Structure formats: structure tokens, C-alpha cells
Amino acid sequence: MTTLTRVEGILLRGGFHTGVIRGLEGGYKSVGLARKYYGMLRRELGYSGPAPLLTSGASQQKLSKNALPSYGLMLLPERGIMADTFADVRKVFGLFGGYNLCPLASKGCAAACLSRSGQSGMKPAQRAQAVRTAYLLSDPYYAGLLIGDEIRRALKRHGRINLRLNTTSDIRWELFPGLVEALRNAGVVLYDYTAWSPDERKVPDGYTLTYSAKESSHTSDEYLTGILSGGGNISMPFAVNRGESLPKSWNGFPVIDGDQHDERWRDPAGVVVGLRAKGHEWKKDNSAGFIRQP
């Protein structure tokens, strides 16, 4: 039996998946009520009103390279919502206790996280992520309803879209009954990166996962080659600057350029998705070896 994390338990019991599925169906007056309530809480924090919960690929560098229109749910990773900076956000949304959205995060991946690089690492963006995270945790059903409605509107506009629900988190969405199936049937291509092992993620059709390579103390070469030999893919960050070539192979397995696009469902099986290390935090201390040398 799978043991849920606290965050997964909160979202599951709160009916996040039910909200998303109903939002996909459309025609619910409660969508308007959810948006009004979210806007009211945001105004208490100085915002003008409600805002989309999903981030469009047009405003996110990695997602903008995709062939299909792409959307992502950008939350505060790991224990970010617990920072003193966001005490007022937690108070407004009535959050108590501890929350960790990336329970398997290592020191290295936390330092190199997408959430801390580029515009996402700036204070206004971090605060926006905190507000989205707080709403999701405080009212999973209504947050799901809004997300489902946003997906429905995007599908109506584009016909088919990419979606990363874990753009900056690591929640096992396949544990939510009917969620992956409903998204797939609606025309959503769902994919994510994850630090969970293949044994801990029984992923249904329609959801593509790329497993993350971390420091050798977290993910040994034996563990990673086992995933690759079984036809799974791993992502691996290298100390390579923009414009420079990634290595051709790692431990005998081909390395593809993961910076060309983010549509991991297009990748062949059994490859290393090479990424150029982003941001600057990891440069302060890479002694554990999260960022690999080419």
C-alpha cells in the first residue's frame, strides 16, 4: 500500500482531482465562486484580484520551446511555503503545520531548482508561487476547479496542450483517482520530472515521467543505469554553459539535448536527458556533485 505524503493526503482528501475533472466538464457556477473567493484572498495580500493558477509556456522559457501550447503549475518547491517571508500568506490562507512539496529533494537539486533561476527566482514571482501554493493547500477542490476550467479553456483554444502539474513540485498525481485519465481523454499531454523511483510511481498511460539524477549519495550510478536499461529516461544536469555542447554519452547511454525543448514524451527510450545547469545557487557549493562534469 502506497504511503501518502502529507501534501498528497491534503490534496486527495480535499478533492483536488474531483475539482479538476468537474472544471474540465465546464458549466459549473461554482467556478465563478471559486475565482471570486481566490480574488478576495489575493486582495488581502495586496493583489488586484484573481489570477490564473497555471503558467502559460509563452511566459516560461523552457515551456516556450515546445511544439504544442504548454502550461505548468508553478508552486513553491520543497518547504518554500514555510519561509518567514510568507508568514502573511500562510495566515491569510489559514495554513498550519509543515508542508513539503518535494519530499525527496536533495541539497543539490534545491539549489539548482527552476524555481530559483531567472525570473522565477525574483521576489514577485516567488510570492506569486507562494500564493498559488497556499490556495492549493487550503482549498484543494476549488483550486482544482479553477485549474480544470483553465485547462478546458486552453483546450478549446488550441485543441491539444502540454501540461506539467509538477513544474516546480513532485506530487504523485497518478494517485488521484481518474485524474490522469480525464486529462488524457480531454486532449492533455501530461508529463513531469520526478525524484521518486520507478517502483514508487505506477504511472498510467498518458503520463510520461523522466527520473531525476541527483548526487551519487541519492541516486547511484547503478540505480540510474538500472532505470536506463529498463527503458526509462533520466535527466542529468551538466556544468555546460549556454551554447556549449553536452557530452554525447554517459556510462554508455546516449545523451540528448534536453534544452532544445521540454516535451519529454517525444524522447526515445533509454536516454539521458542532458540539461545545462541553470541559475547560480549551485555554484556556491557543488561539492556533493549534483551538477555533473561533461
Protein backbone atom coordinates (compact mmCIF):
# COMPACT_ATOMS: atom_id res chain seq x y z
CA MET A 1 0.00 0.00 0.00
CA THR A 2 1.36 3.43 -1.01
CA THR A 3 2.07 5.81 1.85
CA LEU A 4 0.91 9.32 1.01
CA THR A 5 2.95 12.39 1.86
CA ARG A 6 1.16 14.99 3.98
CA VAL A 7 0.66 17.22 0.93
CA GLU A 8 -0.72 14.35 -1.18
CA GLY A 9 -3.09 13.44 1.65
CA ILE A 10 -4.37 17.00 1.96
CA LEU A 11 -4.99 17.30 -1.78
CA LEU A 12 -6.56 13.86 -2.09
CA ARG A 13 -8.92 14.26 0.88
CA GLY A 14 -9.71 17.80 -0.25
CA GLY A 15 -10.92 16.56 -3.63
CA PHE A 16 -8.41 18.28 -5.89
CA HIS A 17 -8.92 15.66 -8.60
CA THR A 18 -12.70 15.95 -8.38
CA GLY A 19 -12.40 19.71 -8.83
CA VAL A 20 -10.16 19.37 -11.89
CA ILE A 21 -12.48 16.83 -13.53
CA ARG A 22 -15.55 19.00 -12.93
CA GLY A 23 -13.72 22.07 -14.17
CA LEU A 24 -12.86 20.18 -17.37
CA GLU A 25 -16.55 19.46 -17.90
CA GLY A 26 -17.50 23.15 -17.71
CA GLY A 27 -20.81 24.82 -16.96
CA TYR A 28 -20.39 24.96 -13.20
CA LYS A 29 -21.43 28.16 -11.41
CA SER A 30 -19.03 27.20 -8.64
CA VAL A 31 -16.11 28.09 -10.95
CA GLY A 32 -17.13 31.72 -10.62
CA LEU A 33 -17.47 31.37 -6.85
CA ALA A 34 -14.02 29.79 -6.61
CA ARG A 35 -12.49 32.60 -8.66
CA LYS A 36 -14.27 35.23 -6.55
CA TYR A 37 -13.03 33.64 -3.31
CA TYR A 38 -9.47 33.36 -4.62
CA GLY A 39 -9.59 37.02 -5.67
CA MET A 40 -10.80 38.05 -2.22
CA LEU A 41 -7.88 36.28 -0.53
CA ARG A 42 -5.40 37.76 -3.00
CA ARG A 43 -6.71 41.26 -2.30
CA GLU A 44 -5.90 40.75 1.39
CA LEU A 45 -2.30 40.31 0.27
CA GLY A 46 -2.25 43.44 -1.87
CA TYR A 47 -3.12 41.99 -5.28
CA SER A 48 -5.84 43.44 -7.50
CA GLY A 49 -7.87 40.25 -7.68
CA PRO A 50 -7.81 36.68 -9.04
CA ALA A 51 -5.15 35.43 -11.45
CA PRO A 52 -4.61 32.22 -13.43
CA LEU A 53 -3.21 29.29 -11.46
CA LEU A 54 -1.45 27.81 -14.48
CA THR A 55 1.54 29.48 -16.11
CA SER A 56 1.48 29.69 -19.89
CA GLY A 57 4.51 28.47 -21.81
CA ALA A 58 4.59 31.81 -23.57
CA SER A 59 5.90 33.34 -20.33
CA GLN A 60 8.13 30.45 -19.21
CA GLN A 61 11.42 29.99 -21.09
CA LYS A 62 11.61 26.20 -21.08
CA LEU A 63 7.96 25.59 -21.93
CA SER A 64 8.06 28.22 -24.70
CA LYS A 65 10.30 25.92 -26.79
CA ASN A 66 7.61 23.24 -27.09
CA ALA A 67 5.72 22.49 -30.30
CA LEU A 68 2.35 22.21 -28.53
CA PRO A 69 0.95 25.08 -26.45
CA SER A 70 2.17 24.34 -22.93
CA TYR A 71 1.06 25.10 -19.40
CA GLY A 72 2.57 24.40 -15.99
CA LEU A 73 1.57 24.59 -12.35
CA MET A 74 4.40 26.53 -10.71
CA LEU A 75 4.33 26.12 -6.94
CA LEU A 76 6.94 26.78 -4.26
CA PRO A 77 9.16 23.69 -4.17
CA GLU A 78 10.08 21.63 -1.10
CA ARG A 79 9.43 23.61 2.15
CA GLY A 80 9.42 27.02 0.48
CA ILE A 81 5.94 27.93 1.72
CA MET A 82 7.26 27.65 5.29
CA ALA A 83 9.71 30.57 4.87
CA ASP A 84 9.29 33.51 7.27
CA THR A 85 8.84 35.73 4.21
CA PHE A 86 5.48 34.09 3.55
CA ALA A 87 4.08 34.10 7.09
CA ASP A 88 1.39 36.57 5.98
CA VAL A 89 0.41 34.31 3.08
CA ARG A 90 0.03 31.32 5.40
CA LYS A 91 -2.06 33.42 7.80
CA VAL A 92 -4.46 34.66 5.11
CA PHE A 93 -4.99 31.14 3.76
CA GLY A 94 -5.15 29.54 7.21
CA LEU A 95 -2.20 27.17 6.81
CA PHE A 96 -0.73 25.48 9.87
CA GLY A 97 1.95 22.85 10.31
CA GLY A 98 4.65 21.82 7.86
CA TYR A 99 4.38 21.29 4.11
CA ASN A 100 6.92 19.79 1.72
CA LEU A 101 6.06 19.66 -1.97
CA CYS A 102 9.34 17.91 -2.93
CA PRO A 103 9.88 15.30 -0.19
CA LEU A 104 12.86 13.70 -1.96
CA ALA A 105 14.68 16.93 -2.78
CA SER A 106 18.43 16.88 -2.23
CA LYS A 107 20.61 19.86 -1.37
CA GLY A 108 21.88 19.98 -4.92
CA CYS A 109 18.56 19.90 -6.72
CA ALA A 110 17.14 22.51 -4.32
CA ALA A 111 20.00 24.86 -5.23
CA ALA A 112 19.56 24.27 -8.97
CA CYS A 113 15.74 24.31 -8.97
CA LEU A 114 13.93 26.05 -11.81
CA SER A 115 12.01 27.97 -9.16
CA ARG A 116 15.19 29.82 -8.19
CA SER A 117 16.53 30.65 -11.65
CA GLY A 118 15.74 33.52 -14.00
CA GLN A 119 12.52 35.44 -13.49
CA SER A 120 11.11 32.63 -11.35
CA GLY A 121 13.74 33.39 -8.71
CA MET A 122 12.74 37.04 -8.33
CA LYS A 123 10.78 38.08 -5.26
CA PRO A 124 7.48 38.92 -7.04
CA ALA A 125 7.50 35.54 -8.82
CA GLN A 126 8.36 33.69 -5.62
CA ARG A 127 5.50 35.42 -3.83
CA ALA A 128 3.09 34.55 -6.64
CA GLN A 129 4.16 30.91 -6.32
CA ALA A 130 3.57 31.11 -2.57
CA VAL A 131 0.01 32.41 -3.07
CA ARG A 132 -0.80 29.65 -5.59
CA THR A 133 0.66 27.03 -3.26
CA ALA A 134 -1.30 28.33 -0.30
CA TYR A 135 -4.58 28.32 -2.22
CA LEU A 136 -3.97 24.78 -3.46
CA LEU A 137 -3.26 23.52 0.06
CA SER A 138 -6.04 25.46 1.79
CA ASP A 139 -8.84 24.66 -0.66
CA PRO A 140 -7.88 21.77 -2.99
CA TYR A 141 -11.33 21.33 -4.54
CA TYR A 142 -11.81 24.96 -5.56
CA ALA A 143 -8.19 25.23 -6.74
CA GLY A 144 -8.72 22.10 -8.80
CA LEU A 145 -11.95 23.50 -10.19
CA LEU A 146 -10.16 26.63 -11.42
CA ILE A 147 -7.27 24.63 -12.86
CA GLY A 148 -9.70 22.32 -14.66
CA ASP A 149 -11.54 25.32 -16.07
CA GLU A 150 -8.27 26.89 -17.26
CA ILE A 151 -7.33 23.62 -18.97
CA ARG A 152 -10.77 23.42 -20.59
CA ARG A 153 -10.42 26.93 -21.98
CA ALA A 154 -6.90 26.22 -23.26
CA LEU A 155 -8.11 23.04 -24.98
CA LYS A 156 -10.99 24.92 -26.58
CA ARG A 157 -8.49 27.44 -27.93
CA HIS A 158 -5.75 25.03 -29.04
CA GLY A 159 -7.31 21.56 -29.35
CA ARG A 160 -4.38 19.81 -27.62
CA ILE A 161 -1.92 21.02 -24.99
CA ASN A 162 1.06 20.00 -22.89
CA LEU A 163 0.69 20.13 -19.11
CA ARG A 164 3.23 19.85 -16.30
CA LEU A 165 1.49 19.79 -12.93
CA ASN A 166 4.91 19.41 -11.28
CA THR A 167 6.79 22.26 -12.92
CA THR A 168 8.41 23.02 -9.55
CA SER A 169 7.00 20.30 -7.27
CA ASP A 170 6.99 16.49 -7.05
CA ILE A 171 3.48 15.26 -6.25
CA ARG A 172 2.36 11.82 -7.44
CA TRP A 173 -0.70 12.83 -9.43
CA GLU A 174 -1.38 9.25 -10.58
CA LEU A 175 -2.58 8.54 -7.02
CA PHE A 176 -5.61 10.79 -7.59
CA PRO A 177 -8.49 8.62 -8.93
CA GLY A 178 -9.48 9.39 -12.51
CA LEU A 179 -7.28 12.48 -12.83
CA VAL A 180 -4.73 11.30 -15.42
CA GLU A 181 -7.40 9.51 -17.45
CA ALA A 182 -9.68 12.58 -17.52
CA LEU A 183 -6.84 14.84 -18.64
CA ARG A 184 -5.70 12.37 -21.32
CA ASN A 185 -9.23 11.92 -22.68
CA ALA A 186 -9.70 15.69 -22.83
CA GLY A 187 -6.61 16.14 -25.04
CA VAL A 188 -3.91 16.91 -22.47
CA VAL A 189 -0.37 15.53 -22.88
CA LEU A 190 0.75 15.14 -19.27
CA TYR A 191 4.43 14.80 -18.35
CA ASP A 192 6.76 15.60 -15.46
CA TYR A 193 10.21 15.09 -13.97
CA THR A 194 10.40 13.22 -10.67
CA ALA A 195 12.80 12.26 -7.89
CA TRP A 196 10.63 9.30 -6.91
CA SER A 197 11.85 5.89 -8.10
CA PRO A 198 10.01 3.86 -10.78
CA ASP A 199 8.92 1.46 -8.02
CA GLU A 200 7.20 4.35 -6.25
CA ARG A 201 5.39 5.64 -9.31
CA LYS A 202 2.97 3.32 -11.08
CA VAL A 203 2.21 5.62 -13.95
CA PRO A 204 -0.82 5.03 -16.20
CA ASP A 205 -0.93 5.56 -19.95
CA GLY A 206 -0.97 9.23 -20.84
CA TYR A 207 1.55 10.36 -18.23
CA THR A 208 5.27 10.47 -19.10
CA LEU A 209 7.88 10.67 -16.35
CA THR A 210 11.60 11.42 -16.58
CA TYR A 211 13.55 10.36 -13.49
CA SER A 212 15.98 12.83 -11.94
CA ALA A 213 19.66 12.13 -11.40
CA LYS A 214 20.91 13.65 -8.16
CA GLU A 215 24.09 13.44 -6.10
CA SER A 216 25.56 9.92 -6.08
CA SER A 217 24.60 9.66 -2.39
CA HIS A 218 20.94 9.93 -3.51
CA THR A 219 21.00 8.26 -6.94
CA SER A 220 23.94 5.92 -7.51
CA ASP A 221 25.23 5.15 -11.00
CA GLU A 222 23.93 1.60 -10.54
CA TYR A 223 20.44 2.90 -9.77
CA LEU A 224 20.47 5.25 -12.77
CA THR A 225 21.79 2.67 -15.22
CA GLY A 226 19.09 0.29 -13.97
CA ILE A 227 16.40 2.79 -14.99
CA LEU A 228 18.03 3.32 -18.38
CA SER A 229 18.49 -0.39 -19.03
CA GLY A 230 14.80 -0.89 -18.32
CA GLY A 231 13.83 1.67 -20.97
CA GLY A 232 13.28 4.60 -18.61
CA ASN A 233 14.83 8.04 -19.09
CA ILE A 234 16.77 10.17 -16.64
CA SER A 235 17.51 13.88 -16.58
CA MET A 236 21.05 14.92 -15.70
CA PRO A 237 22.39 18.47 -15.30
CA PHE A 238 25.89 19.18 -16.58
CA ALA A 239 28.28 22.06 -15.93
CA VAL A 240 27.94 23.24 -19.51
CA ASN A 241 27.28 26.87 -20.48
CA ARG A 242 24.61 28.03 -22.89
CA GLY A 243 25.80 27.49 -26.46
CA GLU A 244 28.25 24.76 -25.49
CA SER A 245 27.76 21.11 -26.43
CA LEU A 246 26.62 18.49 -23.94
CA PRO A 247 28.51 15.17 -23.75
CA LYS A 248 27.50 12.57 -26.33
CA SER A 249 27.06 9.79 -23.79
CA TRP A 250 27.04 8.90 -20.10
CA ASN A 251 28.11 5.44 -18.92
CA GLY A 252 27.47 4.09 -22.40
CA PHE A 253 23.97 5.57 -22.75
CA PRO A 254 23.22 8.32 -25.29
CA VAL A 255 22.76 11.87 -24.04
CA ILE A 256 20.17 14.02 -25.83
CA ASP A 257 19.90 17.80 -25.55
CA GLY A 258 17.05 18.43 -23.11
CA ASP A 259 17.30 22.19 -23.58
CA GLN A 260 16.05 22.09 -27.17
CA HIS A 261 12.50 21.55 -25.93
CA ASP A 262 10.69 20.29 -22.84
CA GLU A 263 8.33 17.77 -24.45
CA ARG A 264 9.84 14.74 -22.78
CA TRP A 265 7.15 12.45 -24.19
CA ARG A 266 8.87 12.87 -27.57
CA ASP A 267 12.16 11.37 -26.31
CA PRO A 268 13.30 7.88 -27.33
CA ALA A 269 13.51 5.28 -24.55
CA GLY A 270 16.65 4.64 -22.52
CA VAL A 271 18.35 8.03 -22.89
CA VAL A 272 19.93 10.60 -20.62
CA VAL A 273 18.22 13.97 -20.98
CA GLY A 274 21.17 16.32 -20.65
CA LEU A 275 20.49 19.77 -19.20
CA ARG A 276 22.75 22.77 -18.90
CA ALA A 277 22.86 23.83 -15.24
CA LYS A 278 20.73 26.94 -14.69
CA GLY A 279 20.90 29.63 -12.03
CA HIS A 280 23.78 30.47 -9.73
CA GLU A 281 22.97 28.96 -6.33
CA TRP A 282 24.52 25.59 -7.20
CA LYS A 283 27.86 27.30 -7.98
CA LYS A 284 28.25 28.25 -4.31
CA ASP A 285 28.60 24.61 -3.30
CA ASN A 286 28.59 21.69 -5.72
CA SER A 287 30.79 19.50 -3.52
CA ALA A 288 28.19 16.72 -3.46
CA GLY A 289 28.30 16.54 -7.25
CA PHE A 290 24.70 17.24 -8.23
CA ILE A 291 25.90 19.06 -11.34
CA ARG A 292 27.98 16.60 -13.41
CA GLN A 293 31.14 17.49 -15.26
CA PRO A 294 30.90 16.84 -19.02
